[in-house]
C-alpha atoms as a PDB file:
ATOM      1  CA  MET A   1      11.578   8.715  32.268  1.00  0.00           C
ATOM      2  CA  GLU A   2      14.151   8.842  29.456  1.00  0.00           C
ATOM      3  CA  LYS A   3      13.206   5.323  28.318  1.00  0.00           C
ATOM      4  CA  VAL A   4       9.493   6.234  28.256  1.00  0.00           C
ATOM      5  CA  LEU A   5      10.219   9.403  26.278  1.00  0.00           C
ATOM      6  CA  GLN A   6      12.358   7.489  23.753  1.00  0.00           C
ATOM      7  CA  GLU A   7       9.605   4.904  23.309  1.00  0.00           C
ATOM      8  CA  LEU A   8       7.073   7.663  22.614  1.00  0.00           C
ATOM      9  CA  LEU A   9       9.426   9.280  20.092  1.00  0.00           C
ATOM     10  CA  ASP A  10       9.968   5.927  18.379  1.00  0.00           C
ATOM     11  CA  LYS A  11       6.230   5.244  18.205  1.00  0.00           C
ATOM     12  CA  GLN A  12       5.625   8.692  16.718  1.00  0.00           C
ATOM     13  CA  ALA A  13       8.336   8.174  14.090  1.00  0.00           C
ATOM     14  CA  ILE A  14       6.815   4.807  13.109  1.00  0.00           C
ATOM     15  CA  THR A  15       3.315   6.289  12.977  1.00  0.00           C
ATOM     16  CA  GLU A  16       4.523   9.031  10.640  1.00  0.00           C
ATOM     17  CA  ARG A  17       6.109   6.406   8.344  1.00  0.00           C
ATOM     18  CA  ILE A  18       2.813   4.512   8.255  1.00  0.00           C
ATOM     19  CA  PHE A  19       1.027   7.708   7.225  1.00  0.00           C
ATOM     20  CA  ASP A  20       3.787   8.502   4.683  1.00  0.00           C
ATOM     21  CA  TYR A  21       3.058   5.157   3.035  1.00  0.00           C
ATOM     22  CA  ALA A  22      -0.624   6.057   2.600  1.00  0.00           C
ATOM     23  CA  ARG A  23       0.328   9.462   1.216  1.00  0.00           C
ATOM     24  CA  SER A  24       2.768   7.859  -1.224  1.00  0.00           C
ATOM     25  CA  MET A  25       0.014   5.624  -2.603  1.00  0.00           C
ATOM     26  CA  ASP A  26      -2.583   8.380  -2.851  1.00  0.00           C
ATOM     27  CA  ARG A  27      -0.217  10.938  -4.429  1.00  0.00           C
ATOM     28  CA  LEU A  28       1.796   8.417  -6.513  1.00  0.00           C
ATOM     29  CA  ASP A  29       4.961   9.574  -4.753  1.00  0.00           C
ATOM     30  CA  GLU A  30       7.480   6.826  -5.493  1.00  0.00           C
ATOM     31  CA  ALA A  31      10.359   8.301  -3.481  1.00  0.00           C
ATOM     32  CA  LEU A  32       8.178   8.703  -0.380  1.00  0.00           C
ATOM     33  CA  GLY A  33       6.884   5.130  -0.726  1.00  0.00           C
ATOM     34  CA  LYS A  34      10.353   3.647  -1.054  1.00  0.00           C
ATOM     35  CA  ALA A  35      11.520   5.651   1.987  1.00  0.00           C
ATOM     36  CA  CYS A  36       9.048   3.674   4.118  1.00  0.00           C
ATOM     37  CA  PHE A  37      10.887   0.380   3.503  1.00  0.00           C
ATOM     38  CA  HIS A  38      14.461  -0.776   4.053  1.00  0.00           C
ATOM     39  CA  GLU A  39      16.179  -1.781   0.790  1.00  0.00           C
ATOM     40  CA  ASP A  40      16.244  -5.454   1.823  1.00  0.00           C
ATOM     41  CA  SER A  41      12.661  -5.459   3.127  1.00  0.00           C
ATOM     42  CA  GLU A  42      10.041  -8.081   2.378  1.00  0.00           C
ATOM     43  CA  ALA A  43       6.515  -7.185   1.274  1.00  0.00           C
ATOM     44  CA  ASP A  44       3.743  -9.782   1.185  1.00  0.00           C
ATOM     45  CA  TYR A  45       0.420  -8.510  -0.118  1.00  0.00           C
ATOM     46  CA  GLY A  46      -0.739 -12.032  -0.914  1.00  0.00           C
ATOM     47  CA  GLU A  47       0.145 -14.369  -3.762  1.00  0.00           C
ATOM     48  CA  ALA A  48      -2.461 -12.841  -6.085  1.00  0.00           C
ATOM     49  CA  VAL A  49      -1.200  -9.262  -5.569  1.00  0.00           C
ATOM     50  CA  PHE A  50       2.520  -9.061  -4.791  1.00  0.00           C
ATOM     51  CA  GLN A  51       5.304 -10.828  -2.936  1.00  0.00           C
ATOM     52  CA  GLY A  52       8.809  -9.403  -3.050  1.00  0.00           C
ATOM     53  CA  THR A  53      10.635  -6.352  -1.752  1.00  0.00           C
ATOM     54  CA  GLY A  54       9.063  -3.164  -0.444  1.00  0.00           C
ATOM     55  CA  ALA A  55      10.729  -1.187  -3.259  1.00  0.00           C
ATOM     56  CA  GLY A  56       9.421  -3.728  -5.767  1.00  0.00           C
ATOM     57  CA  PHE A  57       5.879  -3.266  -4.477  1.00  0.00           C
ATOM     58  CA  ILE A  58       6.149   0.521  -4.709  1.00  0.00           C
ATOM     59  CA  GLU A  59       7.484   0.267  -8.279  1.00  0.00           C
ATOM     60  CA  MET A  60       4.632  -2.072  -9.260  1.00  0.00           C
ATOM     61  CA  CYS A  61       2.067   0.356  -7.830  1.00  0.00           C
ATOM     62  CA  MET A  62       3.608   3.351  -9.570  1.00  0.00           C
ATOM     63  CA  LYS A  63       3.266   1.529 -12.911  1.00  0.00           C
ATOM     64  CA  ALA A  64      -0.234   0.108 -12.334  1.00  0.00           C
ATOM     65  CA  HIS A  65      -2.008   2.806 -10.334  1.00  0.00           C
ATOM     66  CA  PRO A  66      -1.865   5.866 -12.627  1.00  0.00           C
ATOM     67  CA  THR A  67      -4.849   4.360 -14.449  1.00  0.00           C
ATOM     68  CA  PHE A  68      -6.955   5.067 -11.347  1.00  0.00           C
ATOM     69  CA  LYS A  69      -8.724   8.416 -11.113  1.00  0.00           C
ATOM     70  CA  ALA A  70      -8.279   8.586  -7.333  1.00  0.00           C
ATOM     71  CA  HIS A  71      -7.055   6.713  -4.280  1.00  0.00           C
ATOM     72  CA  ALA A  72      -7.936   7.150  -0.634  1.00  0.00           C
ATOM     73  CA  HIS A  73      -5.985   5.214   1.996  1.00  0.00           C
ATOM     74  CA  GLN A  74      -7.334   5.727   5.518  1.00  0.00           C
ATOM     75  CA  ILE A  75      -5.179   4.227   8.251  1.00  0.00           C
ATOM     76  CA  SER A  76      -6.403   3.816  11.819  1.00  0.00           C
ATOM     77  CA  ASN A  77      -6.122   1.672  14.940  1.00  0.00           C
ATOM     78  CA  VAL A  78      -2.338   1.931  14.800  1.00  0.00           C
ATOM     79  CA  ARG A  79      -0.827  -0.253  17.531  1.00  0.00           C
ATOM     80  CA  ILE A  80       2.951  -0.304  17.975  1.00  0.00           C
ATOM     81  CA  TRP A  81       5.084  -2.508  20.201  1.00  0.00           C
ATOM     82  CA  ILE A  82       8.698  -1.454  20.762  1.00  0.00           C
ATOM     83  CA  ASP A  83      10.863  -4.571  21.110  1.00  0.00           C
ATOM     84  CA  GLY A  84      14.160  -2.841  21.850  1.00  0.00           C
ATOM     85  CA  PRO A  85      16.171   0.159  20.735  1.00  0.00           C
ATOM     86  CA  ASP A  86      16.071  -0.838  17.052  1.00  0.00           C
ATOM     87  CA  ARG A  87      13.163  -3.281  16.615  1.00  0.00           C
ATOM     88  CA  ALA A  88       9.401  -2.892  16.724  1.00  0.00           C
ATOM     89  CA  ARG A  89       6.163  -4.421  15.485  1.00  0.00           C
ATOM     90  CA  SER A  90       2.909  -2.793  14.444  1.00  0.00           C
ATOM     91  CA  GLU A  91      -0.608  -3.526  13.288  1.00  0.00           C
ATOM     92  CA  SER A  92      -2.516  -0.836  11.388  1.00  0.00           C
ATOM     93  CA  TYR A  93      -6.006  -1.019   9.970  1.00  0.00           C
ATOM     94  CA  VAL A  94      -6.368   0.268   6.406  1.00  0.00           C
ATOM     95  CA  ASP A  95      -9.404   1.221   4.351  1.00  0.00           C
ATOM     96  CA  ALA A  96      -8.239   1.721   0.757  1.00  0.00           C
ATOM     97  CA  THR A  97     -10.603   2.820  -1.985  1.00  0.00           C
ATOM     98  CA  LEU A  98      -9.429   3.073  -5.588  1.00  0.00           C
ATOM     99  CA  ARG A  99     -11.566   4.667  -8.319  1.00  0.00           C
ATOM    100  CA  ARG A 100     -11.410   3.897 -12.016  1.00  0.00           C
ATOM    101  CA  ILE A 101     -13.429   5.441 -14.792  1.00  0.00           C
ATOM    102  CA  ASP A 102     -14.766   2.753 -17.134  1.00  0.00           C
ATOM    103  CA  GLU A 103     -15.103   2.895 -20.919  1.00  0.00           C
ATOM    104  CA  GLU A 104     -18.540   4.538 -20.583  1.00  0.00           C
ATOM    105  CA  GLY A 105     -17.210   7.262 -18.291  1.00  0.00           C
ATOM    106  CA  LYS A 106     -18.751   5.790 -15.133  1.00  0.00           C
ATOM    107  CA  ALA A 107     -16.938   5.501 -11.824  1.00  0.00           C
ATOM    108  CA  PHE A 108     -16.021   2.025 -10.621  1.00  0.00           C
ATOM    109  CA  ASP A 109     -14.635   1.627  -7.095  1.00  0.00           C
ATOM    110  CA  ILE A 110     -12.480  -1.080  -5.571  1.00  0.00           C
ATOM    111  CA  ARG A 111     -12.392  -1.089  -1.787  1.00  0.00           C
ATOM    112  CA  ASN A 112     -10.136  -3.163   0.445  1.00  0.00           C
ATOM    113  CA  LEU A 113     -10.270  -3.186   4.208  1.00  0.00           C
ATOM    114  CA  GLY A 114      -7.475  -4.967   5.957  1.00  0.00           C
ATOM    115  CA  ARG A 115      -4.444  -4.677   8.181  1.00  0.00           C
ATOM    116  CA  TYR A 116      -0.758  -4.023   7.731  1.00  0.00           C
ATOM    117  CA  VAL A 117       1.256  -6.240  10.064  1.00  0.00           C
ATOM    118  CA  ASP A 118       4.758  -4.800  10.007  1.00  0.00           C
ATOM    119  CA  ARG A 119       8.145  -5.540  11.491  1.00  0.00           C
ATOM    120  CA  TRP A 120      10.262  -2.418  11.893  1.00  0.00           C
ATOM    121  CA  GLU A 121      13.987  -1.868  12.220  1.00  0.00           C
ATOM    122  CA  LYS A 122      15.784   1.310  13.148  1.00  0.00           C
ATOM    123  CA  ARG A 123      18.952   1.665  11.064  1.00  0.00           C
ATOM    124  CA  ASP A 124      21.144   4.745  10.996  1.00  0.00           C
ATOM    125  CA  GLY A 125      18.597   6.455  13.236  1.00  0.00           C
ATOM    126  CA  GLU A 126      15.606   5.839  10.907  1.00  0.00           C
ATOM    127  CA  TRP A 127      12.641   3.536  11.416  1.00  0.00           C
ATOM    128  CA  ARG A 128      11.607   1.703   8.246  1.00  0.00           C
ATOM    129  CA  ILE A 129       9.632  -1.425   7.474  1.00  0.00           C
ATOM    130  CA  ALA A 130      11.731  -4.599   7.403  1.00  0.00           C
ATOM    131  CA  LYS A 131       8.797  -6.906   6.677  1.00  0.00           C
ATOM    132  CA  ARG A 132       5.161  -6.181   5.804  1.00  0.00           C
ATOM    133  CA  ARG A 133       2.259  -8.569   5.530  1.00  0.00           C
ATOM    134  CA  TYR A 134      -1.082  -7.253   4.307  1.00  0.00           C
ATOM    135  CA  LEU A 135      -4.102  -9.136   5.633  1.00  0.00           C
ATOM    136  CA  VAL A 136      -7.394  -8.679   3.775  1.00  0.00           C
ATOM    137  CA  ASP A 137     -10.448  -8.498   6.012  1.00  0.00           C
ATOM    138  CA  PHE A 138     -13.045  -7.287   3.478  1.00  0.00           C
ATOM    139  CA  ASP A 139     -13.044  -6.653  -0.256  1.00  0.00           C
ATOM    140  CA  GLN A 140     -15.725  -5.111  -2.434  1.00  0.00           C
ATOM    141  CA  SER A 141     -15.983  -3.531  -5.855  1.00  0.00           C
ATOM    142  CA  GLY A 142     -18.620  -2.144  -8.152  1.00  0.00           C
ATOM    143  CA  PRO A 143     -20.027   0.903  -9.873  1.00  0.00           C
ATOM    144  CA  ASN A 144     -20.315   4.105  -7.912  1.00  0.00           C
ATOM    145  CA  GLY A 145     -22.875   6.826  -8.432  1.00  0.00           C
ATOM    146  CA  GLY A 146     -20.794   9.434  -6.586  1.00  0.00           C
ATOM    147  CA  LEU A 147     -21.950  13.041  -6.630  1.00  0.00           C
ATOM    148  CA  PHE A 148     -18.612  14.817  -6.371  1.00  0.00           C
ATOM    149  CA  GLU A 149     -15.771  15.216  -8.849  1.00  0.00           C
ATOM    150  CA  THR A 150     -12.247  14.417  -7.643  1.00  0.00           C
ATOM    151  CA  THR A 151     -10.487  17.695  -6.836  1.00  0.00           C
ATOM    152  CA  GLY A 152      -7.027  16.570  -5.664  1.00  0.00           C
ATOM    153  CA  ALA A 153      -4.065  15.645  -7.833  1.00  0.00           C
ATOM    154  CA  ARG A 154      -2.279  12.293  -7.790  1.00  0.00           C
ATOM    155  CA  ASN A 155       1.183  13.866  -7.884  1.00  0.00           C
ATOM    156  CA  ARG A 156       3.222  16.675  -6.332  1.00  0.00           C
ATOM    157  CA  ALA A 157       0.858  19.247  -7.866  1.00  0.00           C
ATOM    158  CA  ASP A 158      -1.642  18.318  -5.140  1.00  0.00           C
ATOM    159  CA  PRO A 159      -2.280  21.309  -2.817  1.00  0.00           C
ATOM    160  CA  SER A 160      -1.147  19.221   0.180  1.00  0.00           C
ATOM    161  CA  TYR A 161       2.473  19.566  -0.925  1.00  0.00           C
ATOM    162  CA  PHE A 162       2.279  23.302  -0.089  1.00  0.00           C
ATOM    163  CA  GLY A 163       4.341  24.407  -3.066  1.00  0.00           C
ATOM    164  CA  ARG A 164       7.219  22.005  -2.369  1.00  0.00           C
END
């Protein structure tokens, strides 16, 4: 029973890290994003996007993504395999939509649907990504005639931080 309980706790900790990553992208929270990866991690988002360290990817996003009006990363179908006390693998489906406002003031959306295939390591009691590969399944972009104005903030002023 103890082994089963530990496996459930490990899976929950990994799931929360996966969701922290999405939050870090949507709220432009660099520290939270970097906390999802080990310092020596590898991140492969494809040759055209980024290949390097997890921290390097987060830094690149924090420089490039403030030009977007909004982000929405939806992560689902999280499947985790525990390979021992300090190793695991996961596959998570992601639906990421990024909104820009063009020169004419019109919304332009970029949407990627794909999967994060991650290798995890538990070091000093913390699960973090050791290696990530992003696989693109669908990609689309174009103008958007959305009806609603963005109401969240892309920083720690967002109401979801509960005054932290």
